[in-house]
C-alpha atoms as a PDB file:
ATOM      1  CA  UNK A   1      25.673  -4.624  19.563  1.00  0.00           C
ATOM      2  CA  UNK A   2      28.831  -3.215  18.000  1.00  0.00           C
ATOM      3  CA  UNK A   3      30.293  -4.871  14.965  1.00  0.00           C
ATOM      4  CA  UNK A   4      33.677  -6.387  15.830  1.00  0.00           C
ATOM      5  CA  UNK A   5      36.625  -4.769  14.145  1.00  0.00           C
ATOM      6  CA  UNK A   6      38.174  -7.002  11.503  1.00  0.00           C
ATOM      7  CA  UNK A   7      41.750  -7.776  12.424  1.00  0.00           C
ATOM      8  CA  UNK A   8      44.180  -7.060   9.637  1.00  0.00           C
ATOM      9  CA  UNK A   9      47.721  -8.033   8.695  1.00  0.00           C
ATOM     10  CA  UNK A  10      50.124  -6.108   6.476  1.00  0.00           C
ATOM     11  CA  UNK A  11      52.289  -7.425   3.666  1.00  0.00           C
ATOM     12  CA  UNK A  12      55.408  -7.092   5.843  1.00  0.00           C
ATOM     13  CA  UNK A  13      53.840  -8.932   8.785  1.00  0.00           C
ATOM     14  CA  UNK A  14      52.491 -11.683   6.525  1.00  0.00           C
ATOM     15  CA  UNK A  15      55.919 -12.173   4.913  1.00  0.00           C
ATOM     16  CA  UNK A  16      57.533 -12.408   8.354  1.00  0.00           C
ATOM     17  CA  UNK A  17      54.904 -14.888   9.530  1.00  0.00           C
ATOM     18  CA  UNK A  18      55.385 -17.008   6.389  1.00  0.00           C
ATOM     19  CA  UNK A  19      59.136 -17.155   6.976  1.00  0.00           C
ATOM     20  CA  UNK A  20      59.023 -18.103  10.650  1.00  0.00           C
ATOM     21  CA  UNK A  21      55.837 -20.134  11.088  1.00  0.00           C
ATOM     22  CA  UNK A  22      55.169 -23.737  10.239  1.00  0.00           C
ATOM     23  CA  UNK A  23      51.554 -23.381  11.401  1.00  0.00           C
ATOM     24  CA  UNK A  24      50.327 -20.499   9.240  1.00  0.00           C
ATOM     25  CA  UNK A  25      47.087 -21.184   7.393  1.00  0.00           C
ATOM     26  CA  UNK A  26      46.600 -18.716   4.549  1.00  0.00           C
ATOM     27  CA  UNK A  27      43.157 -19.078   2.976  1.00  0.00           C
ATOM     28  CA  UNK A  28      42.688 -17.664  -0.528  1.00  0.00           C
ATOM     29  CA  UNK A  29      38.977 -16.817  -0.775  1.00  0.00           C
ATOM     30  CA  UNK A  30      38.993 -15.715  -4.432  1.00  0.00           C
ATOM     31  CA  UNK A  31      37.238 -17.501  -7.296  1.00  0.00           C
ATOM     32  CA  UNK A  32      38.850 -20.475  -9.041  1.00  0.00           C
ATOM     33  CA  UNK A  33      39.423 -18.319 -12.127  1.00  0.00           C
ATOM     34  CA  UNK A  34      41.383 -15.787 -10.068  1.00  0.00           C
ATOM     35  CA  UNK A  35      43.445 -18.488  -8.349  1.00  0.00           C
ATOM     36  CA  UNK A  36      44.279 -20.013 -11.731  1.00  0.00           C
ATOM     37  CA  UNK A  37      45.962 -16.710 -12.696  1.00  0.00           C
ATOM     38  CA  UNK A  38      48.290 -16.777  -9.694  1.00  0.00           C
ATOM     39  CA  UNK A  39      48.404 -17.412  -5.989  1.00  0.00           C
ATOM     40  CA  UNK A  40      50.403 -16.699  -2.869  1.00  0.00           C
ATOM     41  CA  UNK A  41      52.695 -19.688  -2.219  1.00  0.00           C
ATOM     42  CA  UNK A  42      51.297 -22.054   0.399  1.00  0.00           C
ATOM     43  CA  UNK A  43      47.789 -20.627   0.294  1.00  0.00           C
ATOM     44  CA  UNK A  44      44.740 -22.889   0.466  1.00  0.00           C
ATOM     45  CA  UNK A  45      41.828 -22.154  -1.844  1.00  0.00           C
ATOM     46  CA  UNK A  46      38.568 -21.807   0.115  1.00  0.00           C
ATOM     47  CA  UNK A  47      36.099 -19.651  -1.865  1.00  0.00           C
ATOM     48  CA  UNK A  48      34.505 -16.913   0.254  1.00  0.00           C
ATOM     49  CA  UNK A  49      31.027 -18.407  -0.004  1.00  0.00           C
ATOM     50  CA  UNK A  50      32.287 -21.713   1.435  1.00  0.00           C
ATOM     51  CA  UNK A  51      34.285 -20.377   4.418  1.00  0.00           C
ATOM     52  CA  UNK A  52      31.531 -20.919   6.995  1.00  0.00           C
ATOM     53  CA  UNK A  53      30.887 -24.465   5.824  1.00  0.00           C
ATOM     54  CA  UNK A  54      34.632 -25.213   5.727  1.00  0.00           C
ATOM     55  CA  UNK A  55      35.152 -24.025   9.307  1.00  0.00           C
ATOM     56  CA  UNK A  56      32.120 -26.058  10.432  1.00  0.00           C
ATOM     57  CA  UNK A  57      33.615 -29.319   9.110  1.00  0.00           C
ATOM     58  CA  UNK A  58      34.840 -31.960  11.513  1.00  0.00           C
ATOM     59  CA  UNK A  59      38.668 -31.999  11.677  1.00  0.00           C
ATOM     60  CA  UNK A  60      38.903 -35.242   9.654  1.00  0.00           C
ATOM     61  CA  UNK A  61      36.619 -33.880   6.917  1.00  0.00           C
ATOM     62  CA  UNK A  62      38.513 -30.590   6.811  1.00  0.00           C
ATOM     63  CA  UNK A  63      41.849 -32.357   6.394  1.00  0.00           C
ATOM     64  CA  UNK A  64      40.466 -34.690   3.729  1.00  0.00           C
ATOM     65  CA  UNK A  65      39.028 -31.758   1.740  1.00  0.00           C
ATOM     66  CA  UNK A  66      41.841 -29.201   2.081  1.00  0.00           C
ATOM     67  CA  UNK A  67      44.911 -31.321   2.829  1.00  0.00           C
ATOM     68  CA  UNK A  68      45.796 -29.482   6.041  1.00  0.00           C
ATOM     69  CA  UNK A  69      44.900 -29.841   9.700  1.00  0.00           C
ATOM     70  CA  UNK A  70      41.855 -27.805  10.716  1.00  0.00           C
ATOM     71  CA  UNK A  71      43.043 -24.825  12.757  1.00  0.00           C
ATOM     72  CA  UNK A  72      42.182 -24.710  16.466  1.00  0.00           C
ATOM     73  CA  UNK A  73      39.842 -21.887  17.514  1.00  0.00           C
ATOM     74  CA  UNK A  74      42.620 -20.112  19.405  1.00  0.00           C
ATOM     75  CA  UNK A  75      45.120 -20.089  16.538  1.00  0.00           C
ATOM     76  CA  UNK A  76      46.838 -16.779  15.912  1.00  0.00           C
ATOM     77  CA  UNK A  77      48.032 -17.925  12.500  1.00  0.00           C
ATOM     78  CA  UNK A  78      44.862 -17.963  10.412  1.00  0.00           C
ATOM     79  CA  UNK A  79      44.907 -15.387   7.603  1.00  0.00           C
ATOM     80  CA  UNK A  80      42.404 -14.806   4.808  1.00  0.00           C
ATOM     81  CA  UNK A  81      43.050 -12.957   1.566  1.00  0.00           C
ATOM     82  CA  UNK A  82      41.322 -12.166  -1.685  1.00  0.00           C
ATOM     83  CA  UNK A  83      42.281  -9.915  -4.586  1.00  0.00           C
ATOM     84  CA  UNK A  84      42.058  -6.516  -2.871  1.00  0.00           C
ATOM     85  CA  UNK A  85      40.745  -6.998   0.687  1.00  0.00           C
ATOM     86  CA  UNK A  86      36.936  -6.923   0.661  1.00  0.00           C
ATOM     87  CA  UNK A  87      36.149 -10.662   0.408  1.00  0.00           C
ATOM     88  CA  UNK A  88      39.032 -11.384   2.756  1.00  0.00           C
ATOM     89  CA  UNK A  89      37.349  -9.099   5.281  1.00  0.00           C
ATOM     90  CA  UNK A  90      34.052 -10.919   4.795  1.00  0.00           C
ATOM     91  CA  UNK A  91      35.764 -14.280   5.320  1.00  0.00           C
ATOM     92  CA  UNK A  92      37.575 -12.998   8.408  1.00  0.00           C
ATOM     93  CA  UNK A  93      34.272 -11.807   9.911  1.00  0.00           C
ATOM     94  CA  UNK A  94      32.731 -15.221   9.198  1.00  0.00           C
ATOM     95  CA  UNK A  95      35.682 -16.872  10.947  1.00  0.00           C
ATOM     96  CA  UNK A  96      35.238 -14.560  13.947  1.00  0.00           C
ATOM     97  CA  UNK A  97      31.559 -15.564  14.096  1.00  0.00           C
ATOM     98  CA  UNK A  98      32.657 -19.226  14.172  1.00  0.00           C
ATOM     99  CA  UNK A  99      34.937 -18.512  17.146  1.00  0.00           C
ATOM    100  CA  UNK A 100      38.247 -17.855  15.362  1.00  0.00           C
ATOM    101  CA  UNK A 101      38.734 -14.558  17.184  1.00  0.00           C
ATOM    102  CA  UNK A 102      42.372 -14.104  16.113  1.00  0.00           C
ATOM    103  CA  UNK A 103      41.754 -14.627  12.376  1.00  0.00           C
ATOM    104  CA  UNK A 104      43.164 -11.814  10.261  1.00  0.00           C
ATOM    105  CA  UNK A 105      42.606 -10.349   6.810  1.00  0.00           C
ATOM    106  CA  UNK A 106      45.542  -9.553   4.532  1.00  0.00           C
ATOM    107  CA  UNK A 107      44.047  -6.326   3.215  1.00  0.00           C
ATOM    108  CA  UNK A 108      46.538  -5.864   0.385  1.00  0.00           C
ATOM    109  CA  UNK A 109      45.371  -9.117  -1.134  1.00  0.00           C
ATOM    110  CA  UNK A 110      46.867 -10.868  -4.096  1.00  0.00           C
ATOM    111  CA  UNK A 111      47.024  -7.544  -5.964  1.00  0.00           C
ATOM    112  CA  UNK A 112      49.556  -6.078  -3.521  1.00  0.00           C
ATOM    113  CA  UNK A 113      51.368  -9.415  -3.140  1.00  0.00           C
ATOM    114  CA  UNK A 114      51.878  -9.823  -6.878  1.00  0.00           C
ATOM    115  CA  UNK A 115      53.020  -6.202  -7.276  1.00  0.00           C
ATOM    116  CA  UNK A 116      55.571  -6.521  -4.490  1.00  0.00           C
ATOM    117  CA  UNK A 117      56.717  -9.997  -5.448  1.00  0.00           C
ATOM    118  CA  UNK A 118      57.040  -9.129  -9.142  1.00  0.00           C
ATOM    119  CA  UNK A 119      54.570 -11.722 -10.455  1.00  0.00           C
END
């Protein structure tokens, strides 16, 4: 069985999505220490090793834990990111395995975001 290709999103496409969408869920899968040093505005911290468990939560539990509505399986506005792309890719694959087939990885990660945003 072929490994599914991880869907990716660029900095430009993510910026555009952030500006026009009220429904974007941007999951930051880095460690707490990394998040404490800076984050993409509006992102939700879900460490990479907890992504599967988070997406398996009942909607009420998900909202209570993360403060946002659990995304529907068919959402096209679920994006994962880490520092440089690798853990974001892992999280995106885990989401695909859970049925979130349109989940995407922001491959530039916080590193590219902070460079481009001047943080």
